[in-house]
Amino acid sequence: MKKEEMLRNVQKWPKNRGKAALLKFLRGGKLTPMEAIKAKCYDCCCGYDDGGYDCGIESCPLRALMPYCDVEIDKPKSCDTP
């Protein structure tokens, strides 16, 4: 899907955590690492993610960064850790 089409779709989605960051990205803006994570989670859940629960998507590499992840995962200490 092209960015223009995605932008039109996302504008119709509910307002939740990550929407502003995803819209910013689709309009050509630069995102911080945290904004990028929130935008991707919002995109993955089609706008229905408020970030207050574990999404349960075990194949997602971002899941370990979620504060509500209820599975024992070795969480990275920071983005700078090799």
N, C-alpha and C. Protein backbone atom coordinates (compact mmCIF):
# COMPACT_ATOMS: atom_id res chain seq x y z
N MET A 1 0.85 -1.17 0.00
CA MET A 1 0.00 0.00 0.00
C MET A 1 0.90 1.24 0.00
N LYS A 2 0.56 2.20 -0.81
CA LYS A 2 1.34 3.43 -0.90
C LYS A 2 1.02 4.34 0.29
N LYS A 3 1.97 5.24 0.59
CA LYS A 3 1.80 6.13 1.74
C LYS A 3 0.55 6.99 1.63
N GLU A 4 0.23 7.46 0.42
CA GLU A 4 -0.95 8.33 0.25
C GLU A 4 -2.24 7.57 0.61
N GLU A 5 -2.33 6.33 0.15
CA GLU A 5 -3.50 5.51 0.45
C GLU A 5 -3.57 5.18 1.94
N MET A 6 -2.42 4.86 2.51
CA MET A 6 -2.35 4.55 3.94
C MET A 6 -2.76 5.77 4.76
N LEU A 7 -2.30 6.95 4.36
CA LEU A 7 -2.64 8.19 5.06
C LEU A 7 -4.15 8.39 5.09
N ARG A 8 -4.82 8.19 3.97
CA ARG A 8 -6.28 8.34 3.92
C ARG A 8 -6.97 7.35 4.86
N ASN A 9 -6.47 6.12 4.89
CA ASN A 9 -7.06 5.11 5.77
C ASN A 9 -6.85 5.44 7.24
N VAL A 10 -5.63 5.79 7.60
CA VAL A 10 -5.28 6.05 9.01
C VAL A 10 -6.06 7.24 9.56
N GLN A 11 -6.33 8.23 8.74
CA GLN A 11 -7.09 9.39 9.20
C GLN A 11 -8.49 9.00 9.68
N LYS A 12 -9.01 7.88 9.21
CA LYS A 12 -10.34 7.40 9.61
C LYS A 12 -10.30 6.52 10.86
N TRP A 13 -9.12 6.07 11.24
CA TRP A 13 -8.98 5.16 12.38
C TRP A 13 -9.20 5.91 13.69
N PRO A 14 -9.51 5.18 14.78
CA PRO A 14 -9.74 5.83 16.08
C PRO A 14 -8.48 6.51 16.62
N LYS A 15 -8.71 7.50 17.46
CA LYS A 15 -7.59 8.21 18.08
C LYS A 15 -7.09 7.40 19.27
N ASN A 16 -5.91 6.86 19.12
CA ASN A 16 -5.24 6.11 20.18
C ASN A 16 -3.75 6.42 20.13
N ARG A 17 -3.03 5.92 21.11
CA ARG A 17 -1.60 6.13 21.18
C ARG A 17 -0.94 5.61 19.90
N GLY A 18 -0.15 6.44 19.26
CA GLY A 18 0.56 6.05 18.05
C GLY A 18 0.00 6.66 16.78
N LYS A 19 -1.24 7.13 16.82
CA LYS A 19 -1.85 7.68 15.60
C LYS A 19 -1.10 8.92 15.12
N ALA A 20 -0.82 9.84 16.01
CA ALA A 20 -0.13 11.07 15.62
C ALA A 20 1.24 10.76 15.03
N ALA A 21 1.94 9.80 15.62
CA ALA A 21 3.26 9.43 15.11
C ALA A 21 3.17 8.78 13.74
N LEU A 22 2.19 7.93 13.54
CA LEU A 22 2.02 7.28 12.24
C LEU A 22 1.66 8.31 11.18
N LEU A 23 0.77 9.24 11.50
CA LEU A 23 0.41 10.30 10.55
C LEU A 23 1.62 11.17 10.23
N LYS A 24 2.41 11.48 11.24
CA LYS A 24 3.63 12.27 11.04
C LYS A 24 4.56 11.57 10.05
N PHE A 25 4.75 10.26 10.24
CA PHE A 25 5.61 9.48 9.35
C PHE A 25 5.05 9.46 7.92
N LEU A 26 3.76 9.22 7.80
CA LEU A 26 3.15 9.13 6.47
C LEU A 26 3.19 10.46 5.73
N ARG A 27 3.29 11.56 6.49
CA ARG A 27 3.39 12.89 5.87
C ARG A 27 4.84 13.29 5.62
N GLY A 28 5.78 12.37 5.88
CA GLY A 28 7.18 12.63 5.59
C GLY A 28 8.01 13.11 6.76
N GLY A 29 7.46 13.13 7.95
CA GLY A 29 8.19 13.58 9.13
C GLY A 29 9.14 12.53 9.67
N LYS A 30 10.12 12.99 10.43
CA LYS A 30 11.07 12.08 11.08
C LYS A 30 10.53 11.73 12.47
N LEU A 31 10.72 10.47 12.85
CA LEU A 31 10.23 9.99 14.14
C LEU A 31 11.38 9.65 15.07
N THR A 32 11.14 9.84 16.36
CA THR A 32 12.08 9.35 17.36
C THR A 32 11.91 7.83 17.43
N PRO A 33 12.85 7.12 18.03
CA PRO A 33 12.67 5.66 18.16
C PRO A 33 11.36 5.29 18.87
N MET A 34 11.00 6.00 19.94
CA MET A 34 9.76 5.68 20.65
C MET A 34 8.53 5.99 19.80
N GLU A 35 8.55 7.08 19.05
CA GLU A 35 7.44 7.39 18.15
C GLU A 35 7.28 6.30 17.09
N ALA A 36 8.41 5.81 16.58
CA ALA A 36 8.37 4.76 15.56
C ALA A 36 7.76 3.48 16.12
N ILE A 37 8.11 3.13 17.34
CA ILE A 37 7.55 1.93 17.98
C ILE A 37 6.04 2.09 18.16
N LYS A 38 5.61 3.23 18.68
CA LYS A 38 4.18 3.47 18.89
C LYS A 38 3.42 3.48 17.57
N ALA A 39 4.03 4.09 16.54
CA ALA A 39 3.39 4.13 15.23
C ALA A 39 3.22 2.74 14.64
N LYS A 40 4.24 1.90 14.79
CA LYS A 40 4.16 0.54 14.24
C LYS A 40 3.12 -0.30 14.99
N CYS A 41 3.07 -0.18 16.31
CA CYS A 41 2.06 -0.91 17.08
C CYS A 41 0.65 -0.46 16.67
N TYR A 42 0.47 0.83 16.51
CA TYR A 42 -0.82 1.37 16.08
C TYR A 42 -1.19 0.83 14.70
N ASP A 43 -0.22 0.83 13.79
CA ASP A 43 -0.43 0.31 12.44
C ASP A 43 -0.78 -1.17 12.47
N CYS A 44 -0.03 -1.94 13.23
CA CYS A 44 -0.22 -3.39 13.31
C CYS A 44 -1.61 -3.74 13.83
N CYS A 45 -2.11 -2.96 14.78
CA CYS A 45 -3.42 -3.23 15.39
C CYS A 45 -4.54 -2.44 14.71
N CYS A 46 -4.24 -1.84 13.56
CA CYS A 46 -5.24 -1.07 12.78
C CYS A 46 -5.93 0.01 13.60
N GLY A 47 -5.16 0.65 14.46
CA GLY A 47 -5.69 1.77 15.23
C GLY A 47 -6.35 1.42 16.54
N TYR A 48 -6.44 0.14 16.85
CA TYR A 48 -7.15 -0.26 18.07
C TYR A 48 -6.22 -0.59 19.22
N ASP A 49 -5.01 -0.08 19.18
CA ASP A 49 -4.05 -0.33 20.25
C ASP A 49 -3.88 0.93 21.07
N ASP A 50 -4.18 0.85 22.35
CA ASP A 50 -3.94 2.00 23.21
C ASP A 50 -2.68 1.82 24.05
N GLY A 51 -1.99 0.69 23.86
CA GLY A 51 -0.74 0.45 24.56
C GLY A 51 -0.89 -0.03 25.98
N GLY A 52 -2.10 -0.24 26.45
CA GLY A 52 -2.31 -0.61 27.84
C GLY A 52 -2.45 -2.10 28.09
N TYR A 53 -2.03 -2.91 27.15
CA TYR A 53 -2.13 -4.36 27.32
C TYR A 53 -1.09 -5.04 26.45
N ASP A 54 -0.85 -6.29 26.69
CA ASP A 54 0.06 -7.09 25.88
C ASP A 54 -0.69 -7.52 24.63
N CYS A 55 -0.19 -7.17 23.46
CA CYS A 55 -0.88 -7.50 22.21
C CYS A 55 -0.86 -9.00 21.93
N GLY A 56 0.09 -9.72 22.50
CA GLY A 56 0.15 -11.17 22.34
C GLY A 56 0.74 -11.65 21.04
N ILE A 57 1.28 -10.76 20.23
CA ILE A 57 1.85 -11.16 18.95
C ILE A 57 3.29 -11.62 19.19
N GLU A 58 3.45 -12.93 19.35
CA GLU A 58 4.73 -13.50 19.73
C GLU A 58 5.82 -13.32 18.69
N SER A 59 5.46 -13.15 17.43
CA SER A 59 6.45 -12.99 16.37
C SER A 59 6.94 -11.55 16.21
N CYS A 60 6.40 -10.62 16.99
CA CYS A 60 6.77 -9.21 16.86
C CYS A 60 8.07 -8.91 17.60
N PRO A 61 9.06 -8.35 16.90
CA PRO A 61 10.32 -8.02 17.56
C PRO A 61 10.21 -6.84 18.53
N LEU A 62 9.14 -6.08 18.45
CA LEU A 62 8.94 -4.94 19.35
C LEU A 62 8.26 -5.34 20.65
N ARG A 63 7.73 -6.53 20.72
CA ARG A 63 6.97 -6.96 21.90
C ARG A 63 7.80 -6.90 23.18
N ALA A 64 9.07 -7.19 23.09
CA ALA A 64 9.94 -7.16 24.28
C ALA A 64 10.06 -5.76 24.87
N LEU A 65 9.75 -4.74 24.08
CA LEU A 65 9.85 -3.35 24.55
C LEU A 65 8.56 -2.86 25.20
N MET A 66 7.51 -3.65 25.13
CA MET A 66 6.22 -3.25 25.70
C MET A 66 6.24 -3.31 27.22
N PRO A 67 5.73 -2.28 27.89
CA PRO A 67 5.69 -2.32 29.35
C PRO A 67 4.68 -3.34 29.88
N TYR A 68 3.70 -3.73 29.08
CA TYR A 68 2.65 -4.65 29.54
C TYR A 68 2.85 -6.07 29.05
N CYS A 69 4.02 -6.37 28.50
CA CYS A 69 4.29 -7.72 28.02
C CYS A 69 4.27 -8.67 29.21
N ASP A 70 3.36 -9.65 29.18
CA ASP A 70 3.21 -10.54 30.33
C ASP A 70 3.98 -11.86 30.18
N VAL A 71 4.85 -11.92 29.20
CA VAL A 71 5.68 -13.10 28.98
C VAL A 71 7.10 -12.78 29.39
N GLU A 72 7.77 -13.73 30.01
CA GLU A 72 9.16 -13.52 30.45
C GLU A 72 10.07 -13.44 29.23
N ILE A 73 10.56 -12.23 28.96
CA ILE A 73 11.43 -11.98 27.82
C ILE A 73 12.61 -11.16 28.32
N ASP A 74 13.80 -11.46 27.82
CA ASP A 74 14.96 -10.64 28.16
C ASP A 74 14.81 -9.29 27.47
N LYS A 75 14.45 -8.27 28.25
CA LYS A 75 14.26 -6.95 27.68
C LYS A 75 15.61 -6.24 27.57
N PRO A 76 15.86 -5.55 26.45
CA PRO A 76 17.12 -4.83 26.31
C PRO A 76 17.21 -3.69 27.32
N LYS A 77 18.44 -3.40 27.75
CA LYS A 77 18.65 -2.33 28.73
C LYS A 77 18.47 -0.96 28.10
N SER A 78 18.90 -0.80 26.85
CA SER A 78 18.71 0.44 26.13
C SER A 78 18.92 0.18 24.65
N CYS A 79 18.60 1.17 23.86
CA CYS A 79 18.80 1.04 22.41
C CYS A 79 20.28 1.03 22.05
N ASP A 80 21.14 1.52 22.95
CA ASP A 80 22.57 1.60 22.67
C ASP A 80 23.31 0.31 23.00
N THR A 81 22.64 -0.63 23.67
CA THR A 81 23.30 -1.88 24.05
C THR A 81 23.51 -2.75 22.82
N PRO A 82 24.76 -3.20 22.59
CA PRO A 82 25.01 -4.03 21.39
C PRO A 82 24.39 -5.40 21.50
